[in-house]
């Protein structure tokens, strides 16, 4: 069996903020899959992935406060992203499709 090496290219040593890592991750997924997600859509997906879901009023309120937006905007984005399969509704909770979720709570640092 042939041994494979993984090549990692990075510009920064690491990112401490789990939300920043999530935003970068979903920006890249959007770009390579031609999803054309807006900045606010990426922010909501990243925030939801870190929090676990966007169903509770306190979580929505936190997003609104942090990103200076409204719950109506959240509802519109959730509706759009459910149609394209990024968000799913499971047991009454709206969350990011588990196929594209990774653990953003880990420390993402260079192995150098």
PDB file of N, CA and C in Angstrom:
ATOM      1  N   UNK A   1       0.837  -1.172   0.000  1.00  0.00           N
ATOM      2  CA  UNK A   1       0.000   0.000   0.000  1.00  0.00           C
ATOM      3  C   UNK A   1       0.881   1.234   0.000  1.00  0.00           C
ATOM      4  N   UNK A   2       0.557   2.175  -0.849  1.00  0.00           N
ATOM      5  CA  UNK A   2       1.331   3.389  -0.993  1.00  0.00           C
ATOM      6  C   UNK A   2       1.039   4.356   0.157  1.00  0.00           C
ATOM      7  N   UNK A   3       2.087   4.899   0.743  1.00  0.00           N
ATOM      8  CA  UNK A   3       1.913   5.861   1.821  1.00  0.00           C
ATOM      9  C   UNK A   3       1.655   7.238   1.224  1.00  0.00           C
ATOM     10  N   UNK A   4       0.635   7.915   1.754  1.00  0.00           N
ATOM     11  CA  UNK A   4       0.284   9.243   1.260  1.00  0.00           C
ATOM     12  C   UNK A   4       0.678  10.300   2.266  1.00  0.00           C
ATOM     13  N   UNK A   5       1.163  11.397   1.765  1.00  0.00           N
ATOM     14  CA  UNK A   5       1.504  12.537   2.605  1.00  0.00           C
ATOM     15  C   UNK A   5       0.446  13.616   2.437  1.00  0.00           C
ATOM     16  N   UNK A   6       0.164  14.301   3.506  1.00  0.00           N
ATOM     17  CA  UNK A   6      -0.771  15.411   3.463  1.00  0.00           C
ATOM     18  C   UNK A   6       0.017  16.699   3.404  1.00  0.00           C
ATOM     19  N   UNK A   7      -0.336  17.558   2.454  1.00  0.00           N
ATOM     20  CA  UNK A   7       0.320  18.842   2.315  1.00  0.00           C
ATOM     21  C   UNK A   7      -0.622  19.907   2.857  1.00  0.00           C
ATOM     22  N   UNK A   8      -0.123  20.701   3.782  1.00  0.00           N
ATOM     23  CA  UNK A   8      -0.913  21.772   4.376  1.00  0.00           C
ATOM     24  C   UNK A   8      -0.226  23.088   4.049  1.00  0.00           C
ATOM     25  N   UNK A   9      -0.991  23.996   3.477  1.00  0.00           N
ATOM     26  CA  UNK A   9      -0.460  25.314   3.176  1.00  0.00           C
ATOM     27  C   UNK A   9      -1.226  26.320   4.015  1.00  0.00           C
ATOM     28  N   UNK A  10      -0.501  27.140   4.741  1.00  0.00           N
ATOM     29  CA  UNK A  10      -1.159  28.123   5.585  1.00  0.00           C
ATOM     30  C   UNK A  10      -0.372  29.411   5.610  1.00  0.00           C
ATOM     31  N   UNK A  11      -1.079  30.488   5.849  1.00  0.00           N
ATOM     32  CA  UNK A  11      -0.443  31.794   5.907  1.00  0.00           C
ATOM     33  C   UNK A  11      -0.275  32.286   7.337  1.00  0.00           C
ATOM     34  N   UNK A  12      -1.131  31.794   8.230  1.00  0.00           N
ATOM     35  CA  UNK A  12      -1.078  32.195   9.633  1.00  0.00           C
ATOM     36  C   UNK A  12      -0.642  31.019  10.489  1.00  0.00           C
ATOM     37  N   UNK A  13      -0.144  31.327  11.658  1.00  0.00           N
ATOM     38  CA  UNK A  13       0.229  30.281  12.600  1.00  0.00           C
ATOM     39  C   UNK A  13      -0.993  29.577  13.171  1.00  0.00           C
ATOM     40  N   UNK A  14      -2.074  30.314  13.383  1.00  0.00           N
ATOM     41  CA  UNK A  14      -3.268  29.714  13.950  1.00  0.00           C
ATOM     42  C   UNK A  14      -4.352  30.743  14.178  1.00  0.00           C
ATOM     43  N   UNK A  15      -5.542  30.246  14.447  1.00  0.00           N
ATOM     44  CA  UNK A  15      -6.670  31.128  14.717  1.00  0.00           C
ATOM     45  C   UNK A  15      -7.311  30.675  16.013  1.00  0.00           C
ATOM     46  N   UNK A  16      -7.402  31.565  16.960  1.00  0.00           N
ATOM     47  CA  UNK A  16      -7.962  31.226  18.262  1.00  0.00           C
ATOM     48  C   UNK A  16      -9.481  31.306  18.292  1.00  0.00           C
ATOM     49  N   UNK A  17     -10.056  32.237  17.554  1.00  0.00           N
ATOM     50  CA  UNK A  17     -11.483  32.481  17.592  1.00  0.00           C
ATOM     51  C   UNK A  17     -12.232  31.427  16.773  1.00  0.00           C
ATOM     52  N   UNK A  18     -13.032  30.611  17.431  1.00  0.00           N
ATOM     53  CA  UNK A  18     -13.746  29.531  16.747  1.00  0.00           C
ATOM     54  C   UNK A  18     -14.728  30.065  15.712  1.00  0.00           C
ATOM     55  N   UNK A  19     -15.284  31.250  15.930  1.00  0.00           N
ATOM     56  CA  UNK A  19     -16.201  31.834  14.959  1.00  0.00           C
ATOM     57  C   UNK A  19     -15.464  32.257  13.691  1.00  0.00           C
ATOM     58  N   UNK A  20     -14.257  32.792  13.849  1.00  0.00           N
ATOM     59  CA  UNK A  20     -13.450  33.188  12.688  1.00  0.00           C
ATOM     60  C   UNK A  20     -13.066  31.965  11.863  1.00  0.00           C
ATOM     61  N   UNK A  21     -12.697  30.894  12.538  1.00  0.00           N
ATOM     62  CA  UNK A  21     -12.350  29.655  11.839  1.00  0.00           C
ATOM     63  C   UNK A  21     -13.565  29.132  11.074  1.00  0.00           C
ATOM     64  N   UNK A  22     -14.709  29.151  11.721  1.00  0.00           N
ATOM     65  CA  UNK A  22     -15.935  28.669  11.082  1.00  0.00           C
ATOM     66  C   UNK A  22     -16.297  29.537   9.878  1.00  0.00           C
ATOM     67  N   UNK A  23     -16.158  30.849  10.000  1.00  0.00           N
ATOM     68  CA  UNK A  23     -16.461  31.732   8.867  1.00  0.00           C
ATOM     69  C   UNK A  23     -15.546  31.438   7.689  1.00  0.00           C
ATOM     70  N   UNK A  24     -14.263  31.245   7.950  1.00  0.00           N
ATOM     71  CA  UNK A  24     -13.318  30.921   6.869  1.00  0.00           C
ATOM     72  C   UNK A  24     -13.686  29.593   6.215  1.00  0.00           C
ATOM     73  N   UNK A  25     -13.990  28.604   7.029  1.00  0.00           N
ATOM     74  CA  UNK A  25     -14.343  27.264   6.534  1.00  0.00           C
ATOM     75  C   UNK A  25     -15.568  27.333   5.615  1.00  0.00           C
ATOM     76  N   UNK A  26     -16.621  28.005   6.054  1.00  0.00           N
ATOM     77  CA  UNK A  26     -17.833  28.068   5.241  1.00  0.00           C
ATOM     78  C   UNK A  26     -17.683  29.001   4.049  1.00  0.00           C
ATOM     79  N   UNK A  27     -16.808  29.984   4.126  1.00  0.00           N
ATOM     80  CA  UNK A  27     -16.502  30.822   2.960  1.00  0.00           C
ATOM     81  C   UNK A  27     -15.853  29.986   1.868  1.00  0.00           C
ATOM     82  N   UNK A  28     -14.933  29.129   2.275  1.00  0.00           N
ATOM     83  CA  UNK A  28     -14.259  28.252   1.315  1.00  0.00           C
ATOM     84  C   UNK A  28     -15.241  27.254   0.724  1.00  0.00           C
ATOM     85  N   UNK A  29     -16.076  26.638   1.566  1.00  0.00           N
ATOM     86  CA  UNK A  29     -17.086  25.698   1.053  1.00  0.00           C
ATOM     87  C   UNK A  29     -18.022  26.382   0.063  1.00  0.00           C
ATOM     88  N   UNK A  30     -18.416  27.601   0.373  1.00  0.00           N
ATOM     89  CA  UNK A  30     -19.289  28.350  -0.527  1.00  0.00           C
ATOM     90  C   UNK A  30     -18.610  28.595  -1.871  1.00  0.00           C
ATOM     91  N   UNK A  31     -17.349  28.985  -1.817  1.00  0.00           N
ATOM     92  CA  UNK A  31     -16.615  29.290  -3.052  1.00  0.00           C
ATOM     93  C   UNK A  31     -16.399  28.059  -3.919  1.00  0.00           C
ATOM     94  N   UNK A  32     -15.956  26.960  -3.317  1.00  0.00           N
ATOM     95  CA  UNK A  32     -15.642  25.791  -4.147  1.00  0.00           C
ATOM     96  C   UNK A  32     -16.889  25.063  -4.645  1.00  0.00           C
ATOM     97  N   UNK A  33     -18.031  25.326  -4.005  1.00  0.00           N
ATOM     98  CA  UNK A  33     -19.279  24.697  -4.447  1.00  0.00           C
ATOM     99  C   UNK A  33     -20.199  25.668  -5.184  1.00  0.00           C
ATOM    100  N   UNK A  34     -19.687  26.858  -5.514  1.00  0.00           N
ATOM    101  CA  UNK A  34     -20.448  27.877  -6.233  1.00  0.00           C
ATOM    102  C   UNK A  34     -21.805  28.156  -5.594  1.00  0.00           C
ATOM    103  N   UNK A  35     -21.823  28.267  -4.271  1.00  0.00           N
ATOM    104  CA  UNK A  35     -23.066  28.541  -3.558  1.00  0.00           C
ATOM    105  C   UNK A  35     -23.397  30.030  -3.522  1.00  0.00           C
ATOM    106  N   UNK A  36     -22.396  30.863  -3.725  1.00  0.00           N
ATOM    107  CA  UNK A  36     -22.565  32.322  -3.722  1.00  0.00           C
ATOM    108  C   UNK A  36     -23.270  32.818  -2.466  1.00  0.00           C
ATOM    109  N   UNK A  37     -22.855  32.304  -1.314  1.00  0.00           N
ATOM    110  CA  UNK A  37     -23.436  32.757  -0.057  1.00  0.00           C
ATOM    111  C   UNK A  37     -22.958  34.167   0.251  1.00  0.00           C
ATOM    112  N   UNK A  38     -23.858  34.977   0.786  1.00  0.00           N
ATOM    113  CA  UNK A  38     -23.488  36.332   1.182  1.00  0.00           C
ATOM    114  C   UNK A  38     -22.688  36.286   2.480  1.00  0.00           C
ATOM    115  N   UNK A  39     -22.083  37.402   2.809  1.00  0.00           N
ATOM    116  CA  UNK A  39     -21.315  37.491   4.055  1.00  0.00           C
ATOM    117  C   UNK A  39     -22.206  37.170   5.250  1.00  0.00           C
ATOM    118  N   UNK A  40     -23.420  37.719   5.283  1.00  0.00           N
ATOM    119  CA  UNK A  40     -24.329  37.498   6.406  1.00  0.00           C
ATOM    120  C   UNK A  40     -24.758  36.032   6.478  1.00  0.00           C
ATOM    121  N   UNK A  41     -24.977  35.393   5.341  1.00  0.00           N
ATOM    122  CA  UNK A  41     -25.341  33.972   5.325  1.00  0.00           C
ATOM    123  C   UNK A  41     -24.215  33.117   5.886  1.00  0.00           C
ATOM    124  N   UNK A  42     -22.991  33.439   5.493  1.00  0.00           N
ATOM    125  CA  UNK A  42     -21.823  32.713   6.011  1.00  0.00           C
ATOM    126  C   UNK A  42     -21.693  32.934   7.519  1.00  0.00           C
ATOM    127  N   UNK A  43     -21.920  34.162   7.961  1.00  0.00           N
ATOM    128  CA  UNK A  43     -21.859  34.457   9.394  1.00  0.00           C
ATOM    129  C   UNK A  43     -22.884  33.634  10.166  1.00  0.00           C
ATOM    130  N   UNK A  44     -24.099  33.521   9.623  1.00  0.00           N
ATOM    131  CA  UNK A  44     -25.142  32.763  10.305  1.00  0.00           C
ATOM    132  C   UNK A  44     -24.830  31.266  10.316  1.00  0.00           C
ATOM    133  N   UNK A  45     -24.326  30.748   9.221  1.00  0.00           N
ATOM    134  CA  UNK A  45     -23.964  29.325   9.172  1.00  0.00           C
ATOM    135  C   UNK A  45     -22.848  29.045  10.175  1.00  0.00           C
ATOM    136  N   UNK A  46     -21.827  29.893  10.189  1.00  0.00           N
ATOM    137  CA  UNK A  46     -20.702  29.711  11.110  1.00  0.00           C
ATOM    138  C   UNK A  46     -21.162  29.796  12.564  1.00  0.00           C
ATOM    139  N   UNK A  47     -21.961  30.796  12.872  1.00  0.00           N
ATOM    140  CA  UNK A  47     -22.469  30.990  14.223  1.00  0.00           C
ATOM    141  C   UNK A  47     -23.297  29.780  14.658  1.00  0.00           C
ATOM    142  N   UNK A  48     -24.159  29.313  13.767  1.00  0.00           N
ATOM    143  CA  UNK A  48     -25.021  28.171  14.064  1.00  0.00           C
ATOM    144  C   UNK A  48     -24.205  26.901  14.255  1.00  0.00           C
ATOM    145  N   UNK A  49     -23.186  26.722  13.433  1.00  0.00           N
ATOM    146  CA  UNK A  49     -22.343  25.528  13.559  1.00  0.00           C
ATOM    147  C   UNK A  49     -21.632  25.501  14.911  1.00  0.00           C
ATOM    148  N   UNK A  50     -21.162  26.633  15.364  1.00  0.00           N
ATOM    149  CA  UNK A  50     -20.474  26.702  16.654  1.00  0.00           C
ATOM    150  C   UNK A  50     -21.462  26.513  17.803  1.00  0.00           C
ATOM    151  N   UNK A  51     -22.612  27.164  17.727  1.00  0.00           N
ATOM    152  CA  UNK A  51     -23.615  27.101  18.799  1.00  0.00           C
ATOM    153  C   UNK A  51     -24.373  25.774  18.828  1.00  0.00           C
ATOM    154  N   UNK A  52     -24.516  25.135  17.689  1.00  0.00           N
ATOM    155  CA  UNK A  52     -25.246  23.870  17.623  1.00  0.00           C
ATOM    156  C   UNK A  52     -26.587  23.978  16.940  1.00  0.00           C
ATOM    157  N   UNK A  53     -27.284  25.094  17.147  1.00  0.00           N
ATOM    158  CA  UNK A  53     -28.546  25.351  16.441  1.00  0.00           C
ATOM    159  C   UNK A  53     -28.883  26.825  16.544  1.00  0.00           C
ATOM    160  N   UNK A  54     -29.890  27.234  15.773  1.00  0.00           N
ATOM    161  CA  UNK A  54     -30.317  28.632  15.767  1.00  0.00           C
ATOM    162  C   UNK A  54     -31.798  28.738  16.127  1.00  0.00           C
ATOM    163  N   UNK A  55     -32.297  27.771  16.844  1.00  0.00           N
ATOM    164  CA  UNK A  55     -33.728  27.693  17.138  1.00  0.00           C
ATOM    165  C   UNK A  55     -34.164  28.477  18.367  1.00  0.00           C
ATOM    166  N   UNK A  56     -33.316  28.610  19.336  1.00  0.00           N
ATOM    167  CA  UNK A  56     -33.703  29.257  20.588  1.00  0.00           C
ATOM    168  C   UNK A  56     -33.628  30.774  20.490  1.00  0.00           C
ATOM    169  N   UNK A  57     -34.564  31.441  21.151  1.00  0.00           N
ATOM    170  CA  UNK A  57     -34.639  32.900  21.106  1.00  0.00           C
ATOM    171  C   UNK A  57     -33.365  33.565  21.627  1.00  0.00           C
ATOM    172  N   UNK A  58     -32.769  33.001  22.670  1.00  0.00           N
ATOM    173  CA  UNK A  58     -31.554  33.621  23.220  1.00  0.00           C
ATOM    174  C   UNK A  58     -30.376  33.510  22.250  1.00  0.00           C
ATOM    175  N   UNK A  59     -30.312  32.428  21.485  1.00  0.00           N
ATOM    176  CA  UNK A  59     -29.235  32.261  20.501  1.00  0.00           C
ATOM    177  C   UNK A  59     -29.448  33.236  19.345  1.00  0.00           C
ATOM    178  N   UNK A  60     -30.697  33.358  18.884  1.00  0.00           N
ATOM    179  CA  UNK A  60     -31.011  34.314  17.818  1.00  0.00           C
ATOM    180  C   UNK A  60     -30.718  35.744  18.271  1.00  0.00           C
ATOM    181  N   UNK A  61     -31.072  36.051  19.497  1.00  0.00           N
ATOM    182  CA  UNK A  61     -30.818  37.373  20.048  1.00  0.00           C
ATOM    183  C   UNK A  61     -29.320  37.667  20.116  1.00  0.00           C
ATOM    184  N   UNK A  62     -28.555  36.675  20.515  1.00  0.00           N
ATOM    185  CA  UNK A  62     -27.103  36.835  20.579  1.00  0.00           C
ATOM    186  C   UNK A  62     -26.535  37.114  19.189  1.00  0.00           C
ATOM    187  N   UNK A  63     -27.024  36.376  18.170  1.00  0.00           N
ATOM    188  CA  UNK A  63     -26.571  36.616  16.802  1.00  0.00           C
ATOM    189  C   UNK A  63     -26.938  38.039  16.368  1.00  0.00           C
ATOM    190  N   UNK A  64     -28.165  38.436  16.642  1.00  0.00           N
ATOM    191  CA  UNK A  64     -28.628  39.781  16.265  1.00  0.00           C
ATOM    192  C   UNK A  64     -27.772  40.866  16.913  1.00  0.00           C
ATOM    193  N   UNK A  65     -27.452  40.699  18.182  1.00  0.00           N
ATOM    194  CA  UNK A  65     -26.627  41.678  18.890  1.00  0.00           C
ATOM    195  C   UNK A  65     -25.218  41.722  18.329  1.00  0.00           C
ATOM    196  N   UNK A  66     -24.644  40.559  18.095  1.00  0.00           N
ATOM    197  CA  UNK A  66     -23.261  40.492  17.634  1.00  0.00           C
ATOM    198  C   UNK A  66     -23.095  40.986  16.199  1.00  0.00           C
ATOM    199  N   UNK A  67     -24.058  40.699  15.339  1.00  0.00           N
ATOM    200  CA  UNK A  67     -23.931  41.036  13.921  1.00  0.00           C
ATOM    201  C   UNK A  67     -24.852  42.171  13.484  1.00  0.00           C
ATOM    202  N   UNK A  68     -25.474  42.848  14.449  1.00  0.00           N
ATOM    203  CA  UNK A  68     -26.308  44.020  14.181  1.00  0.00           C
ATOM    204  C   UNK A  68     -27.344  43.733  13.082  1.00  0.00           C
ATOM    205  N   UNK A  69     -28.204  42.753  13.344  1.00  0.00           N
ATOM    206  CA  UNK A  69     -29.228  42.361  12.386  1.00  0.00           C
ATOM    207  C   UNK A  69     -30.540  42.094  13.119  1.00  0.00           C
ATOM    208  N   UNK A  70     -31.531  41.588  12.405  1.00  0.00           N
ATOM    209  CA  UNK A  70     -32.849  41.347  12.996  1.00  0.00           C
ATOM    210  C   UNK A  70     -33.235  39.875  12.877  1.00  0.00           C
ATOM    211  N   UNK A  71     -34.226  39.490  13.656  1.00  0.00           N
ATOM    212  CA  UNK A  71     -34.703  38.104  13.582  1.00  0.00           C
ATOM    213  C   UNK A  71     -35.376  37.835  12.244  1.00  0.00           C
ATOM    214  N   UNK A  72     -35.955  38.860  11.617  1.00  0.00           N
ATOM    215  CA  UNK A  72     -36.555  38.683  10.288  1.00  0.00           C
ATOM    216  C   UNK A  72     -35.486  38.284   9.270  1.00  0.00           C
ATOM    217  N   UNK A  73     -34.322  38.898   9.376  1.00  0.00           N
ATOM    218  CA  UNK A  73     -33.216  38.536   8.487  1.00  0.00           C
ATOM    219  C   UNK A  73     -32.800  37.093   8.728  1.00  0.00           C
ATOM    220  N   UNK A  74     -32.715  36.703   9.984  1.00  0.00           N
ATOM    221  CA  UNK A  74     -32.370  35.318  10.310  1.00  0.00           C
ATOM    222  C   UNK A  74     -33.389  34.370   9.674  1.00  0.00           C
ATOM    223  N   UNK A  75     -34.666  34.682   9.825  1.00  0.00           N
ATOM    224  CA  UNK A  75     -35.715  33.824   9.259  1.00  0.00           C
ATOM    225  C   UNK A  75     -35.584  33.688   7.743  1.00  0.00           C
ATOM    226  N   UNK A  76     -35.298  34.792   7.057  1.00  0.00           N
ATOM    227  CA  UNK A  76     -35.127  34.745   5.603  1.00  0.00           C
ATOM    228  C   UNK A  76     -33.928  33.896   5.201  1.00  0.00           C
ATOM    229  N   UNK A  77     -32.824  34.050   5.910  1.00  0.00           N
ATOM    230  CA  UNK A  77     -31.624  33.277   5.609  1.00  0.00           C
ATOM    231  C   UNK A  77     -31.852  31.801   5.896  1.00  0.00           C
ATOM    232  N   UNK A  78     -32.469  31.491   7.026  1.00  0.00           N
ATOM    233  CA  UNK A  78     -32.747  30.097   7.382  1.00  0.00           C
ATOM    234  C   UNK A  78     -33.601  29.444   6.306  1.00  0.00           C
ATOM    235  N   UNK A  79     -34.610  30.144   5.840  1.00  0.00           N
ATOM    236  CA  UNK A  79     -35.488  29.609   4.799  1.00  0.00           C
ATOM    237  C   UNK A  79     -34.703  29.280   3.532  1.00  0.00           C
ATOM    238  N   UNK A  80     -33.859  30.215   3.092  1.00  0.00           N
ATOM    239  CA  UNK A  80     -33.050  30.001   1.889  1.00  0.00           C
ATOM    240  C   UNK A  80     -32.094  28.825   2.063  1.00  0.00           C
ATOM    241  N   UNK A  81     -31.415  28.779   3.214  1.00  0.00           N
ATOM    242  CA  UNK A  81     -30.397  27.755   3.422  1.00  0.00           C
ATOM    243  C   UNK A  81     -30.998  26.370   3.649  1.00  0.00           C
ATOM    244  N   UNK A  82     -32.231  26.306   4.134  1.00  0.00           N
ATOM    245  CA  UNK A  82     -32.915  25.014   4.245  1.00  0.00           C
ATOM    246  C   UNK A  82     -33.242  24.477   2.854  1.00  0.00           C
ATOM    247  N   UNK A  83     -33.594  25.360   1.942  1.00  0.00           N
ATOM    248  CA  UNK A  83     -33.928  24.948   0.573  1.00  0.00           C
ATOM    249  C   UNK A  83     -32.731  24.343  -0.154  1.00  0.00           C
ATOM    250  N   UNK A  84     -31.541  24.845   0.138  1.00  0.00           N
ATOM    251  CA  UNK A  84     -30.359  24.319  -0.560  1.00  0.00           C
ATOM    252  C   UNK A  84     -29.612  23.261   0.263  1.00  0.00           C
ATOM    253  N   UNK A  85     -30.150  22.913   1.417  1.00  0.00           N
ATOM    254  CA  UNK A  85     -29.605  21.803   2.196  1.00  0.00           C
ATOM    255  C   UNK A  85     -28.491  22.126   3.165  1.00  0.00           C
ATOM    256  N   UNK A  86     -28.206  23.395   3.370  1.00  0.00           N
ATOM    257  CA  UNK A  86     -27.164  23.765   4.330  1.00  0.00           C
ATOM    258  C   UNK A  86     -27.696  23.678   5.751  1.00  0.00           C
ATOM    259  N   UNK A  87     -28.926  24.137   5.942  1.00  0.00           N
ATOM    260  CA  UNK A  87     -29.600  23.988   7.229  1.00  0.00           C
ATOM    261  C   UNK A  87     -30.594  22.842   7.135  1.00  0.00           C
ATOM    262  N   UNK A  88     -30.756  22.137   8.238  1.00  0.00           N
ATOM    263  CA  UNK A  88     -31.766  21.082   8.334  1.00  0.00           C
ATOM    264  C   UNK A  88     -32.574  21.314   9.608  1.00  0.00           C
ATOM    265  N   UNK A  89     -33.755  20.752   9.634  1.00  0.00           N
ATOM    266  CA  UNK A  89     -34.572  20.820  10.840  1.00  0.00           C
ATOM    267  C   UNK A  89     -34.680  19.402  11.374  1.00  0.00           C
ATOM    268  N   UNK A  90     -34.194  19.199  12.589  1.00  0.00           N
ATOM    269  CA  UNK A  90     -34.207  17.885  13.213  1.00  0.00           C
ATOM    270  C   UNK A  90     -34.722  18.040  14.639  1.00  0.00           C
ATOM    271  N   UNK A  91     -35.747  17.303  14.960  1.00  0.00           N
ATOM    272  CA  UNK A  91     -36.375  17.371  16.288  1.00  0.00           C
ATOM    273  C   UNK A  91     -36.793  18.797  16.647  1.00  0.00           C
ATOM    274  N   UNK A  92     -37.262  19.539  15.666  1.00  0.00           N
ATOM    275  CA  UNK A  92     -37.735  20.893  15.907  1.00  0.00           C
ATOM    276  C   UNK A  92     -36.649  21.945  15.996  1.00  0.00           C
ATOM    277  N   UNK A  93     -35.403  21.563  15.818  1.00  0.00           N
ATOM    278  CA  UNK A  93     -34.291  22.510  15.901  1.00  0.00           C
ATOM    279  C   UNK A  93     -33.647  22.679  14.536  1.00  0.00           C
ATOM    280  N   UNK A  94     -33.354  23.920  14.192  1.00  0.00           N
ATOM    281  CA  UNK A  94     -32.677  24.229  12.941  1.00  0.00           C
ATOM    282  C   UNK A  94     -31.178  24.250  13.207  1.00  0.00           C
ATOM    283  N   UNK A  95     -30.451  23.411  12.467  1.00  0.00           N
ATOM    284  CA  UNK A  95     -28.999  23.344  12.639  1.00  0.00           C
ATOM    285  C   UNK A  95     -28.336  23.173  11.281  1.00  0.00           C
ATOM    286  N   UNK A  96     -27.011  23.259  11.280  1.00  0.00           N
ATOM    287  CA  UNK A  96     -26.243  23.074  10.059  1.00  0.00           C
ATOM    288  C   UNK A  96     -26.217  21.581   9.733  1.00  0.00           C
ATOM    289  N   UNK A  97     -26.340  21.277   8.462  1.00  0.00           N
ATOM    290  CA  UNK A  97     -26.298  19.895   8.008  1.00  0.00           C
ATOM    291  C   UNK A  97     -25.029  19.227   8.557  1.00  0.00           C
ATOM    292  N   UNK A  98     -25.168  18.116   9.275  1.00  0.00           N
ATOM    293  CA  UNK A  98     -23.999  17.490   9.901  1.00  0.00           C
ATOM    294  C   UNK A  98     -22.916  17.031   8.921  1.00  0.00           C
ATOM    295  N   UNK A  99     -23.256  16.932   7.661  1.00  0.00           N
ATOM    296  CA  UNK A  99     -22.266  16.538   6.652  1.00  0.00           C
ATOM    297  C   UNK A  99     -21.161  17.578   6.528  1.00  0.00           C
ATOM    298  N   UNK A 100     -21.476  18.845   6.827  1.00  0.00           N
ATOM    299  CA  UNK A 100     -20.485  19.917   6.658  1.00  0.00           C
ATOM    300  C   UNK A 100     -20.078  20.576   7.974  1.00  0.00           C
ATOM    301  N   UNK A 101     -20.301  19.898   9.076  1.00  0.00           N
ATOM    302  CA  UNK A 101     -19.933  20.457  10.379  1.00  0.00           C
ATOM    303  C   UNK A 101     -18.674  19.769  10.900  1.00  0.00           C
ATOM    304  N   UNK A 102     -17.749  20.584  11.383  1.00  0.00           N
ATOM    305  CA  UNK A 102     -16.577  20.061  12.086  1.00  0.00           C
ATOM    306  C   UNK A 102     -16.569  20.691  13.479  1.00  0.00           C
ATOM    307  N   UNK A 103     -15.695  20.218  14.342  1.00  0.00           N
ATOM    308  CA  UNK A 103     -15.631  20.732  15.709  1.00  0.00           C
ATOM    309  C   UNK A 103     -14.786  22.010  15.726  1.00  0.00           C
ATOM    310  N   UNK A 104     -15.464  23.158  15.760  1.00  0.00           N
ATOM    311  CA  UNK A 104     -14.769  24.436  15.746  1.00  0.00           C
ATOM    312  C   UNK A 104     -14.276  24.840  17.127  1.00  0.00           C
ATOM    313  N   UNK A 105     -14.558  24.038  18.137  1.00  0.00           N
ATOM    314  CA  UNK A 105     -14.129  24.369  19.495  1.00  0.00           C
ATOM    315  C   UNK A 105     -12.696  23.909  19.762  1.00  0.00           C
ATOM    316  N   UNK A 106     -12.131  23.120  18.845  1.00  0.00           N
ATOM    317  CA  UNK A 106     -10.738  22.703  18.969  1.00  0.00           C
ATOM    318  C   UNK A 106      -9.837  23.887  18.693  1.00  0.00           C
ATOM    319  N   UNK A 107      -8.626  23.814  19.181  1.00  0.00           N
ATOM    320  CA  UNK A 107      -7.641  24.841  18.865  1.00  0.00           C
ATOM    321  C   UNK A 107      -7.073  24.522  17.492  1.00  0.00           C
ATOM    322  N   UNK A 108      -7.066  25.510  16.611  1.00  0.00           N
ATOM    323  CA  UNK A 108      -6.530  25.339  15.260  1.00  0.00           C
ATOM    324  C   UNK A 108      -5.184  26.053  15.195  1.00  0.00           C
ATOM    325  N   UNK A 109      -4.144  25.282  15.441  1.00  0.00           N
ATOM    326  CA  UNK A 109      -2.805  25.856  15.426  1.00  0.00           C
ATOM    327  C   UNK A 109      -1.922  25.062  14.497  1.00  0.00           C
ATOM    328  N   UNK A 110      -0.904  25.699  14.045  1.00  0.00           N
ATOM    329  CA  UNK A 110       0.085  25.067  13.171  1.00  0.00           C
ATOM    330  C   UNK A 110       0.834  23.999  13.937  1.00  0.00           C
ATOM    331  N   UNK A 111       1.244  22.970  13.226  1.00  0.00           N
ATOM    332  CA  UNK A 111       2.025  21.903  13.862  1.00  0.00           C
ATOM    333  C   UNK A 111       3.522  22.207  13.797  1.00  0.00           C
ATOM    334  N   UNK A 112       3.881  23.411  13.331  1.00  0.00           N
ATOM    335  CA  UNK A 112       5.311  23.786  13.228  1.00  0.00           C
ATOM    336  C   UNK A 112       5.872  24.117  14.578  1.00  0.00           C
TER     337      UNK A 112
END
